[in-house]
PDB file of N, CA and C in Angstrom:
ATOM      1  N   MET A   1     -51.295 142.320 100.903  1.00  0.00           N
ATOM      2  CA  MET A   1     -51.134 142.597  99.321  1.00  0.00           C
ATOM      3  C   MET A   1     -50.043 141.897  98.817  1.00  0.00           C
ATOM      4  N   ASN A   2     -48.597 142.452  99.670  1.00  0.00           N
ATOM      5  CA  ASN A   2     -47.455 141.935  99.337  1.00  0.00           C
ATOM      6  C   ASN A   2     -47.398 140.523  99.421  1.00  0.00           C
ATOM      7  N   THR A   3     -48.094 139.598 100.457  1.00  0.00           N
ATOM      8  CA  THR A   3     -47.786 138.337 100.495  1.00  0.00           C
ATOM      9  C   THR A   3     -48.809 137.521  99.628  1.00  0.00           C
ATOM     10  N   ASN A   4     -49.599 138.062  98.895  1.00  0.00           N
ATOM     11  CA  ASN A   4     -50.518 137.600  98.017  1.00  0.00           C
ATOM     12  C   ASN A   4     -50.292 138.014  96.488  1.00  0.00           C
ATOM     13  N   ILE A   5     -49.275 137.756  96.101  1.00  0.00           N
ATOM     14  CA  ILE A   5     -48.848 138.519  94.617  1.00  0.00           C
ATOM     15  C   ILE A   5     -49.202 137.452  93.673  1.00  0.00           C
ATOM     16  N   GLU A   6     -49.186 136.221  93.877  1.00  0.00           N
ATOM     17  CA  GLU A   6     -49.604 135.075  92.652  1.00  0.00           C
ATOM     18  C   GLU A   6     -50.958 134.983  92.801  1.00  0.00           C
ATOM     19  N   GLU A   7     -51.540 134.791  93.787  1.00  0.00           N
ATOM     20  CA  GLU A   7     -53.065 134.953  93.970  1.00  0.00           C
ATOM     21  C   GLU A   7     -53.755 136.080  94.422  1.00  0.00           C
ATOM     22  N   PRO A   8     -53.969 137.014  93.881  1.00  0.00           N
ATOM     23  CA  PRO A   8     -54.467 138.335  94.484  1.00  0.00           C
ATOM     24  C   PRO A   8     -56.020 138.203  95.205  1.00  0.00           C
ATOM     25  N   LEU A   9     -56.002 138.758  96.357  1.00  0.00           N
ATOM     26  CA  LEU A   9     -57.202 138.925  97.164  1.00  0.00           C
ATOM     27  C   LEU A   9     -57.962 139.987  96.219  1.00  0.00           C
ATOM     28  N   SER A  10     -59.389 139.569  96.570  1.00  0.00           N
ATOM     29  CA  SER A  10     -60.310 140.520  96.205  1.00  0.00           C
ATOM     30  C   SER A  10     -60.420 141.686  97.231  1.00  0.00           C
ATOM     31  N   THR A  11     -60.968 142.978  96.756  1.00  0.00           N
ATOM     32  CA  THR A  11     -61.094 143.888  97.829  1.00  0.00           C
ATOM     33  C   THR A  11     -62.030 143.324  98.761  1.00  0.00           C
ATOM     34  N   ARG A  12     -63.107 142.643  98.476  1.00  0.00           N
ATOM     35  CA  ARG A  12     -63.930 141.943  99.421  1.00  0.00           C
ATOM     36  C   ARG A  12     -63.344 141.120 100.340  1.00  0.00           C
ATOM     37  N   GLU A  13     -62.358 140.378  99.762  1.00  0.00           N
ATOM     38  CA  GLU A  13     -61.523 139.419 100.994  1.00  0.00           C
ATOM     39  C   GLU A  13     -60.393 140.347 101.659  1.00  0.00           C
ATOM     40  N   ILE A  14     -60.022 141.414 101.155  1.00  0.00           N
ATOM     41  CA  ILE A  14     -59.225 142.266 102.156  1.00  0.00           C
ATOM     42  C   ILE A  14     -59.968 142.847 103.190  1.00  0.00           C
ATOM     43  N   ALA A  15     -61.095 143.218 102.634  1.00  0.00           N
ATOM     44  CA  ALA A  15     -62.000 143.944 103.751  1.00  0.00           C
ATOM     45  C   ALA A  15     -62.572 143.110 104.884  1.00  0.00           C
ATOM     46  N   GLU A  16     -62.782 141.679 104.568  1.00  0.00           N
ATOM     47  CA  GLU A  16     -63.110 140.811 105.611  1.00  0.00           C
ATOM     48  C   GLU A  16     -61.894 140.443 106.297  1.00  0.00           C
ATOM     49  N   PHE A  17     -60.548 140.261 105.414  1.00  0.00           N
ATOM     50  CA  PHE A  17     -59.606 140.079 106.422  1.00  0.00           C
ATOM     51  C   PHE A  17     -59.421 141.105 107.396  1.00  0.00           C
ATOM     52  N   VAL A  18     -59.510 142.425 107.382  1.00  0.00           N
ATOM     53  CA  VAL A  18     -59.175 143.568 108.229  1.00  0.00           C
ATOM     54  C   VAL A  18     -60.589 143.766 109.175  1.00  0.00           C
ATOM     55  N   GLY A  19     -61.638 143.065 108.721  1.00  0.00           N
ATOM     56  CA  GLY A  19     -62.830 143.424 109.525  1.00  0.00           C
ATOM     57  C   GLY A  19     -63.635 145.036 109.271  1.00  0.00           C
ATOM     58  N   VAL A  20     -63.609 144.945 108.098  1.00  0.00           N
ATOM     59  CA  VAL A  20     -64.306 146.369 107.720  1.00  0.00           C
ATOM     60  C   VAL A  20     -65.254 146.008 106.438  1.00  0.00           C
ATOM     61  N   SER A  21     -65.926 147.020 106.248  1.00  0.00           N
ATOM     62  CA  SER A  21     -66.820 147.008 104.863  1.00  0.00           C
ATOM     63  C   SER A  21     -65.968 147.259 103.560  1.00  0.00           C
ATOM     64  N   VAL A  22     -66.366 146.760 102.623  1.00  0.00           N
ATOM     65  CA  VAL A  22     -65.535 146.870 101.086  1.00  0.00           C
ATOM     66  C   VAL A  22     -65.816 148.695 100.928  1.00  0.00           C
ATOM     67  N   ARG A  23     -66.830 149.190 101.322  1.00  0.00           N
ATOM     68  CA  ARG A  23     -66.994 150.628 101.127  1.00  0.00           C
ATOM     69  C   ARG A  23     -65.773 151.303 102.187  1.00  0.00           C
ATOM     70  N   GLN A  24     -65.855 150.832 103.108  1.00  0.00           N
ATOM     71  CA  GLN A  24     -65.029 151.455 104.367  1.00  0.00           C
ATOM     72  C   GLN A  24     -63.337 151.394 103.709  1.00  0.00           C
ATOM     73  N   ILE A  25     -63.104 150.116 103.275  1.00  0.00           N
ATOM     74  CA  ILE A  25     -61.697 150.076 103.034  1.00  0.00           C
ATOM     75  C   ILE A  25     -61.425 150.802 101.642  1.00  0.00           C
ATOM     76  N   GLU A  26     -62.193 150.837 100.641  1.00  0.00           N
ATOM     77  CA  GLU A  26     -62.042 151.952  99.718  1.00  0.00           C
ATOM     78  C   GLU A  26     -62.016 153.346  99.895  1.00  0.00           C
ATOM     79  N   ARG A  27     -62.832 153.691 100.844  1.00  0.00           N
ATOM     80  CA  ARG A  27     -62.483 155.168 101.462  1.00  0.00           C
ATOM     81  C   ARG A  27     -61.362 155.448 102.101  1.00  0.00           C
ATOM     82  N   THR A  28     -60.722 154.329 102.811  1.00  0.00           N
ATOM     83  CA  THR A  28     -59.697 154.573 103.569  1.00  0.00           C
ATOM     84  C   THR A  28     -58.314 154.530 102.629  1.00  0.00           C
ATOM     85  N   PHE A  29     -58.529 153.782 101.521  1.00  0.00           N
ATOM     86  CA  PHE A  29     -57.272 153.896 100.685  1.00  0.00           C
ATOM     87  C   PHE A  29     -57.519 155.120  99.865  1.00  0.00           C
ATOM     88  N   ARG A  30     -58.533 155.698  99.381  1.00  0.00           N
ATOM     89  CA  ARG A  30     -58.691 156.754  98.722  1.00  0.00           C
ATOM     90  C   ARG A  30     -58.101 157.850  99.686  1.00  0.00           C
ATOM     91  N   LYS A  31     -58.288 157.603 100.939  1.00  0.00           N
ATOM     92  CA  LYS A  31     -57.877 158.976 101.811  1.00  0.00           C
ATOM     93  C   LYS A  31     -56.406 158.871 102.088  1.00  0.00           C
ATOM     94  N   HIS A  32     -55.938 157.924 102.179  1.00  0.00           N
ATOM     95  CA  HIS A  32     -54.617 157.671 102.677  1.00  0.00           C
ATOM     96  C   HIS A  32     -53.553 157.135 101.653  1.00  0.00           C
ATOM     97  N   VAL A  33     -53.748 156.542 100.506  1.00  0.00           N
ATOM     98  CA  VAL A  33     -53.102 156.039  99.471  1.00  0.00           C
ATOM     99  C   VAL A  33     -53.302 156.844  98.307  1.00  0.00           C
ATOM    100  N   GLY A  34     -54.471 157.362  97.985  1.00  0.00           N
ATOM    101  CA  GLY A  34     -54.949 158.356  96.993  1.00  0.00           C
ATOM    102  C   GLY A  34     -55.363 157.528  95.696  1.00  0.00           C
ATOM    103  N   GLU A  35     -55.717 156.244  95.810  1.00  0.00           N
ATOM    104  CA  GLU A  35     -56.158 155.533  94.722  1.00  0.00           C
ATOM    105  C   GLU A  35     -56.839 154.198  95.376  1.00  0.00           C
ATOM    106  N   SER A  36     -57.832 153.661  94.633  1.00  0.00           N
ATOM    107  CA  SER A  36     -58.400 152.587  95.008  1.00  0.00           C
ATOM    108  C   SER A  36     -57.621 151.337  95.313  1.00  0.00           C
ATOM    109  N   PRO A  37     -58.220 150.420  96.174  1.00  0.00           N
ATOM    110  CA  PRO A  37     -57.329 149.331  96.569  1.00  0.00           C
ATOM    111  C   PRO A  37     -57.036 148.331  95.460  1.00  0.00           C
ATOM    112  N   GLU A  38     -57.904 148.185  94.177  1.00  0.00           N
ATOM    113  CA  GLU A  38     -57.568 147.552  93.137  1.00  0.00           C
ATOM    114  C   GLU A  38     -56.259 148.036  92.624  1.00  0.00           C
ATOM    115  N   LYS A  39     -56.410 149.359  92.139  1.00  0.00           N
ATOM    116  CA  LYS A  39     -55.307 149.850  91.492  1.00  0.00           C
ATOM    117  C   LYS A  39     -53.981 149.853  92.302  1.00  0.00           C
ATOM    118  N   HIS A  40     -53.980 149.928  93.677  1.00  0.00           N
ATOM    119  CA  HIS A  40     -52.952 149.850  94.383  1.00  0.00           C
ATOM    120  C   HIS A  40     -52.413 148.681  94.335  1.00  0.00           C
ATOM    121  N   TYR A  41     -53.202 147.614  94.287  1.00  0.00           N
ATOM    122  CA  TYR A  41     -52.787 146.287  94.428  1.00  0.00           C
ATOM    123  C   TYR A  41     -52.040 145.813  92.840  1.00  0.00           C
ATOM    124  N   ARG A  42     -52.771 146.361  91.945  1.00  0.00           N
ATOM    125  CA  ARG A  42     -52.005 146.033  90.610  1.00  0.00           C
ATOM    126  C   ARG A  42     -50.652 146.706  90.400  1.00  0.00           C
ATOM    127  N   LYS A  43     -50.562 147.850  91.130  1.00  0.00           N
ATOM    128  CA  LYS A  43     -49.072 148.638  91.020  1.00  0.00           C
ATOM    129  C   LYS A  43     -48.183 147.603  91.635  1.00  0.00           C
ATOM    130  N   ILE A  44     -48.483 147.340  92.734  1.00  0.00           N
ATOM    131  CA  ILE A  44     -47.720 146.395  93.769  1.00  0.00           C
ATOM    132  C   ILE A  44     -47.245 145.000  92.856  1.00  0.00           C
ATOM    133  N   ARG A  45     -48.351 144.500  92.348  1.00  0.00           N
ATOM    134  CA  ARG A  45     -47.873 143.185  91.315  1.00  0.00           C
ATOM    135  C   ARG A  45     -47.071 143.641  90.081  1.00  0.00           C
ATOM    136  N   LEU A  46     -47.474 144.937  89.519  1.00  0.00           N
ATOM    137  CA  LEU A  46     -46.492 145.395  88.263  1.00  0.00           C
ATOM    138  C   LEU A  46     -45.189 145.699  88.829  1.00  0.00           C
ATOM    139  N   LYS A  47     -44.898 146.087  90.029  1.00  0.00           N
ATOM    140  CA  LYS A  47     -43.779 146.502  90.526  1.00  0.00           C
ATOM    141  C   LYS A  47     -42.863 145.129  90.707  1.00  0.00           C
ATOM    142  N   HIS A  48     -43.676 144.206  91.377  1.00  0.00           N
ATOM    143  CA  HIS A  48     -42.708 142.869  91.412  1.00  0.00           C
ATOM    144  C   HIS A  48     -42.574 142.230  90.247  1.00  0.00           C
ATOM    145  N   ALA A  49     -43.370 142.354  89.184  1.00  0.00           N
ATOM    146  CA  ALA A  49     -43.293 141.938  87.891  1.00  0.00           C
ATOM    147  C   ALA A  49     -41.906 142.512  87.112  1.00  0.00           C
ATOM    148  N   LYS A  50     -41.829 144.028  87.370  1.00  0.00           N
ATOM    149  CA  LYS A  50     -40.737 144.709  86.623  1.00  0.00           C
ATOM    150  C   LYS A  50     -39.193 144.227  87.175  1.00  0.00           C
ATOM    151  N   ALA A  51     -39.396 143.980  88.673  1.00  0.00           N
ATOM    152  CA  ALA A  51     -38.203 143.220  89.224  1.00  0.00           C
ATOM    153  C   ALA A  51     -37.820 141.987  88.672  1.00  0.00           C
ATOM    154  N   LEU A  52     -38.916 141.017  88.488  1.00  0.00           N
ATOM    155  CA  LEU A  52     -38.592 139.713  87.701  1.00  0.00           C
ATOM    156  C   LEU A  52     -38.111 139.709  86.464  1.00  0.00           C
ATOM    157  N   LEU A  53     -38.776 140.812  85.669  1.00  0.00           N
ATOM    158  CA  LEU A  53     -38.229 141.166  84.351  1.00  0.00           C
ATOM    159  C   LEU A  53     -36.837 141.330  83.947  1.00  0.00           C
ATOM    160  N   ALA A  54     -36.544 142.287  85.180  1.00  0.00           N
ATOM    161  CA  ALA A  54     -35.208 142.774  85.000  1.00  0.00           C
ATOM    162  C   ALA A  54     -34.035 141.716  85.713  1.00  0.00           C
ATOM    163  N   SER A  55     -34.473 140.805  86.468  1.00  0.00           N
ATOM    164  CA  SER A  55     -33.485 140.131  87.139  1.00  0.00           C
ATOM    165  C   SER A  55     -33.487 138.597  86.813  1.00  0.00           C
ATOM    166  N   SER A  56     -34.756 138.276  86.347  1.00  0.00           N
ATOM    167  CA  SER A  56     -34.657 136.771  86.236  1.00  0.00           C
ATOM    168  C   SER A  56     -34.707 136.168  84.686  1.00  0.00           C
ATOM    169  N   ASP A  57     -34.681 134.871  84.417  1.00  0.00           N
ATOM    170  CA  ASP A  57     -34.715 134.244  83.115  1.00  0.00           C
ATOM    171  C   ASP A  57     -36.042 133.751  82.917  1.00  0.00           C
ATOM    172  N   MET A  58     -37.105 134.066  83.655  1.00  0.00           N
ATOM    173  CA  MET A  58     -38.461 133.558  83.571  1.00  0.00           C
ATOM    174  C   MET A  58     -39.013 134.167  82.230  1.00  0.00           C
ATOM    175  N   SER A  59     -39.860 133.431  81.578  1.00  0.00           N
ATOM    176  CA  SER A  59     -40.569 133.956  80.621  1.00  0.00           C
ATOM    177  C   SER A  59     -41.621 134.870  80.936  1.00  0.00           C
ATOM    178  N   ILE A  60     -42.189 135.752  79.748  1.00  0.00           N
ATOM    179  CA  ILE A  60     -43.235 136.665  80.167  1.00  0.00           C
ATOM    180  C   ILE A  60     -44.463 135.725  80.689  1.00  0.00           C
ATOM    181  N   ILE A  61     -44.754 134.826  80.077  1.00  0.00           N
ATOM    182  CA  ILE A  61     -45.995 133.702  80.564  1.00  0.00           C
ATOM    183  C   ILE A  61     -45.573 133.480  82.214  1.00  0.00           C
ATOM    184  N   GLN A  62     -44.525 133.088  82.402  1.00  0.00           N
ATOM    185  CA  GLN A  62     -44.266 132.749  83.983  1.00  0.00           C
ATOM    186  C   GLN A  62     -44.476 133.826  84.818  1.00  0.00           C
ATOM    187  N   ILE A  63     -43.781 135.014  84.251  1.00  0.00           N
ATOM    188  CA  ILE A  63     -43.897 136.230  85.247  1.00  0.00           C
ATOM    189  C   ILE A  63     -45.334 136.803  85.265  1.00  0.00           C
ATOM    190  N   ALA A  64     -46.033 136.507  84.264  1.00  0.00           N
ATOM    191  CA  ALA A  64     -47.557 136.923  84.289  1.00  0.00           C
ATOM    192  C   ALA A  64     -48.226 136.110  85.393  1.00  0.00           C
ATOM    193  N   LEU A  65     -48.304 134.919  85.283  1.00  0.00           N
ATOM    194  CA  LEU A  65     -48.725 134.019  86.338  1.00  0.00           C
ATOM    195  C   LEU A  65     -48.203 134.299  87.548  1.00  0.00           C
ATOM    196  N   ALA A  66     -46.753 134.436  87.850  1.00  0.00           N
ATOM    197  CA  ALA A  66     -46.194 134.677  89.057  1.00  0.00           C
ATOM    198  C   ALA A  66     -46.736 135.725  89.783  1.00  0.00           C
ATOM    199  N   THR A  67     -47.265 136.864  89.025  1.00  0.00           N
ATOM    200  CA  THR A  67     -47.722 138.252  89.784  1.00  0.00           C
ATOM    201  C   THR A  67     -49.435 138.340  89.548  1.00  0.00           C
ATOM    202  N   GLY A  68     -49.891 137.205  89.362  1.00  0.00           N
ATOM    203  CA  GLY A  68     -51.495 137.197  89.445  1.00  0.00           C
ATOM    204  C   GLY A  68     -52.143 137.628  88.191  1.00  0.00           C
ATOM    205  N   PHE A  69     -51.642 137.444  86.919  1.00  0.00           N
ATOM    206  CA  PHE A  69     -52.252 138.013  85.991  1.00  0.00           C
ATOM    207  C   PHE A  69     -52.766 136.767  85.293  1.00  0.00           C
ATOM    208  N   LYS A  70     -54.086 137.060  84.979  1.00  0.00           N
ATOM    209  CA  LYS A  70     -54.682 135.620  84.370  1.00  0.00           C
ATOM    210  C   LYS A  70     -54.157 135.240  83.107  1.00  0.00           C
ATOM    211  N   SER A  71     -53.779 136.212  82.392  1.00  0.00           N
ATOM    212  CA  SER A  71     -53.172 135.833  80.940  1.00  0.00           C
ATOM    213  C   SER A  71     -51.992 136.754  80.705  1.00  0.00           C
ATOM    214  N   PRO A  72     -51.124 136.602  79.779  1.00  0.00           N
ATOM    215  CA  PRO A  72     -50.168 137.275  79.442  1.00  0.00           C
ATOM    216  C   PRO A  72     -50.560 138.560  78.659  1.00  0.00           C
ATOM    217  N   SER A  73     -51.600 138.506  77.925  1.00  0.00           N
ATOM    218  CA  SER A  73     -52.021 139.806  77.228  1.00  0.00           C
ATOM    219  C   SER A  73     -52.517 140.544  78.043  1.00  0.00           C
ATOM    220  N   ASN A  74     -53.185 140.223  79.212  1.00  0.00           N
ATOM    221  CA  ASN A  74     -53.804 141.123  80.262  1.00  0.00           C
ATOM    222  C   ASN A  74     -52.754 141.662  81.140  1.00  0.00           C
ATOM    223  N   PHE A  75     -51.692 140.825  81.431  1.00  0.00           N
ATOM    224  CA  PHE A  75     -50.498 141.402  81.883  1.00  0.00           C
ATOM    225  C   PHE A  75     -49.657 142.375  81.168  1.00  0.00           C
ATOM    226  N   SER A  76     -49.476 142.102  79.949  1.00  0.00           N
ATOM    227  CA  SER A  76     -48.825 143.132  78.934  1.00  0.00           C
ATOM    228  C   SER A  76     -49.610 144.312  78.920  1.00  0.00           C
ATOM    229  N   LYS A  77     -50.810 144.519  78.700  1.00  0.00           N
ATOM    230  CA  LYS A  77     -51.531 145.533  78.725  1.00  0.00           C
ATOM    231  C   LYS A  77     -51.507 146.491  79.957  1.00  0.00           C
ATOM    232  N   ASN A  78     -51.473 145.711  80.936  1.00  0.00           N
ATOM    233  CA  ASN A  78     -51.524 146.645  82.292  1.00  0.00           C
ATOM    234  C   ASN A  78     -50.017 147.131  82.533  1.00  0.00           C
ATOM    235  N   TYR A  79     -48.922 146.317  82.257  1.00  0.00           N
ATOM    236  CA  TYR A  79     -47.821 146.726  82.058  1.00  0.00           C
ATOM    237  C   TYR A  79     -47.336 147.873  81.269  1.00  0.00           C
ATOM    238  N   ARG A  80     -47.866 147.822  80.055  1.00  0.00           N
ATOM    239  CA  ARG A  80     -47.544 148.908  79.085  1.00  0.00           C
ATOM    240  C   ARG A  80     -48.304 150.273  79.729  1.00  0.00           C
ATOM    241  N   GLN A  81     -49.551 150.194  80.093  1.00  0.00           N
ATOM    242  CA  GLN A  81     -50.294 151.477  80.706  1.00  0.00           C
ATOM    243  C   GLN A  81     -49.389 151.786  81.960  1.00  0.00           C
ATOM    244  N   GLU A  82     -48.998 150.994  82.703  1.00  0.00           N
ATOM    245  CA  GLU A  82     -48.245 151.617  83.899  1.00  0.00           C
ATOM    246  C   GLU A  82     -46.716 152.009  83.805  1.00  0.00           C
ATOM    247  N   TYR A  83     -46.027 151.487  82.701  1.00  0.00           N
ATOM    248  CA  TYR A  83     -44.613 151.716  82.547  1.00  0.00           C
ATOM    249  C   TYR A  83     -44.233 152.177  81.090  1.00  0.00           C
ATOM    250  N   SER A  84     -45.311 152.289  80.231  1.00  0.00           N
ATOM    251  CA  SER A  84     -45.087 152.809  78.725  1.00  0.00           C
ATOM    252  C   SER A  84     -44.095 152.254  77.978  1.00  0.00           C
ATOM    253  N   VAL A  85     -43.883 150.933  78.227  1.00  0.00           N
ATOM    254  CA  VAL A  85     -43.186 150.128  77.510  1.00  0.00           C
ATOM    255  C   VAL A  85     -43.745 148.445  77.710  1.00  0.00           C
ATOM    256  N   SER A  86     -43.565 147.758  76.696  1.00  0.00           N
ATOM    257  CA  SER A  86     -44.094 146.218  76.723  1.00  0.00           C
ATOM    258  C   SER A  86     -43.052 145.650  77.575  1.00  0.00           C
ATOM    259  N   PRO A  87     -43.630 144.599  78.499  1.00  0.00           N
ATOM    260  CA  PRO A  87     -42.903 143.917  79.339  1.00  0.00           C
ATOM    261  C   PRO A  87     -41.818 142.894  78.606  1.00  0.00           C
ATOM    262  N   HIS A  88     -42.283 142.679  77.243  1.00  0.00           N
ATOM    263  CA  HIS A  88     -41.376 141.940  76.289  1.00  0.00           C
ATOM    264  C   HIS A  88     -39.873 142.781  76.112  1.00  0.00           C
ATOM    265  N   HIS A  89     -40.178 144.097  75.688  1.00  0.00           N
ATOM    266  CA  HIS A  89     -39.127 144.947  75.381  1.00  0.00           C
ATOM    267  C   HIS A  89     -38.191 145.328  76.705  1.00  0.00           C
ATOM    268  N   PHE A  90     -38.892 145.303  77.703  1.00  0.00           N
ATOM    269  CA  PHE A  90     -38.206 145.789  78.965  1.00  0.00           C
ATOM    270  C   PHE A  90     -37.259 144.531  79.411  1.00  0.00           C
ATOM    271  N   HIS A  91     -37.776 143.252  79.341  1.00  0.00           N
ATOM    272  CA  HIS A  91     -37.009 141.965  79.497  1.00  0.00           C
ATOM    273  C   HIS A  91     -36.033 141.735  78.273  1.00  0.00           C
ATOM    274  N   ARG A  92     -36.139 142.017  77.240  1.00  0.00           N
ATOM    275  CA  ARG A  92     -35.230 141.734  76.335  1.00  0.00           C
ATOM    276  C   ARG A  92     -33.935 142.825  76.662  1.00  0.00           C
ATOM    277  N   ASP A  93     -34.310 144.098  76.721  1.00  0.00           N
ATOM    278  CA  ASP A  93     -33.311 145.104  76.979  1.00  0.00           C
ATOM    279  C   ASP A  93     -32.380 144.799  78.140  1.00  0.00           C
ATOM    280  N   HIS A  94     -33.114 144.122  79.290  1.00  0.00           N
ATOM    281  CA  HIS A  94     -32.348 143.800  80.568  1.00  0.00           C
ATOM    282  C   HIS A  94     -31.592 142.645  80.301  1.00  0.00           C
ATOM    283  N   GLN A  95     -32.025 141.836  79.441  1.00  0.00           N
ATOM    284  CA  GLN A  95     -31.408 140.378  79.238  1.00  0.00           C
ATOM    285  C   GLN A  95     -29.920 140.887  78.292  1.00  0.00           C
ATOM    286  N   LEU A  96     -30.283 141.512  77.421  1.00  0.00           N
ATOM    287  CA  LEU A  96     -28.966 142.127  76.669  1.00  0.00           C
ATOM    288  C   LEU A  96     -27.972 143.021  77.441  1.00  0.00           C
ATOM    289  N   THR A  97     -28.517 143.814  78.600  1.00  0.00           N
ATOM    290  CA  THR A  97     -27.597 144.402  79.169  1.00  0.00           C
ATOM    291  C   THR A  97     -26.502 143.357  79.931  1.00  0.00           C
ATOM    292  N   LYS A  98     -27.659 142.640  80.619  1.00  0.00           N
ATOM    293  CA  LYS A  98     -26.849 141.534  81.556  1.00  0.00           C
ATOM    294  C   LYS A  98     -25.811 140.872  80.848  1.00  0.00           C
ATOM    295  N   ALA A  99     -26.213 140.262  79.455  1.00  0.00           N
ATOM    296  CA  ALA A  99     -25.164 139.451  78.654  1.00  0.00           C
ATOM    297  C   ALA A  99     -24.005 140.388  78.258  1.00  0.00           C
ATOM    298  N   THR A 100     -24.199 141.753  77.760  1.00  0.00           N
ATOM    299  CA  THR A 100     -23.146 142.795  77.605  1.00  0.00           C
ATOM    300  C   THR A 100     -22.040 142.733  78.588  1.00  0.00           C
ATOM    301  N   LYS A 101     -22.744 142.895  80.024  1.00  0.00           N
ATOM    302  CA  LYS A 101     -21.916 143.162  81.144  1.00  0.00           C
ATOM    303  C   LYS A 101     -21.125 141.737  81.570  1.00  0.00           C
ATOM    304  N   SER A 102     -21.678 140.544  81.444  1.00  0.00           N
ATOM    305  CA  SER A 102     -20.905 139.324  81.766  1.00  0.00           C
ATOM    306  C   SER A 102     -19.716 139.085  80.494  1.00  0.00           C
ATOM    307  N   ASN A 103     -20.008 139.505  79.386  1.00  0.00           N
ATOM    308  CA  ASN A 103     -19.005 139.232  78.311  1.00  0.00           C
ATOM    309  C   ASN A 103     -17.861 140.371  78.637  1.00  0.00           C
ATOM    310  N   ASN A 104     -17.889 141.567  79.301  1.00  0.00           N
ATOM    311  CA  ASN A 104     -16.867 142.352  79.464  1.00  0.00           C
ATOM    312  C   ASN A 104     -16.114 142.208  80.671  1.00  0.00           C
TER     313      ASN A 104
END
């Protein structure tokens, strides 16, 4: 999952890769991770997006695509649900903080 951030694999593809059924991988994830593979994968991608928002000058669209979201609106919706702030506001706040630090 961590090596396929930009082009996420489906649960079926992950199951095939590890040689188990989709149902088995879903049960295993629920038991050991406490959530579905899709939700866990989305969290990994959003965590990576958050790091990019905080540390890069990439645009929201570039970050959305770099983390496997098909559209900026879908990315924003998922980001807001996970972190309770829009990616635009998070990015802007971190850009302002970086600018303030570099001026001091």
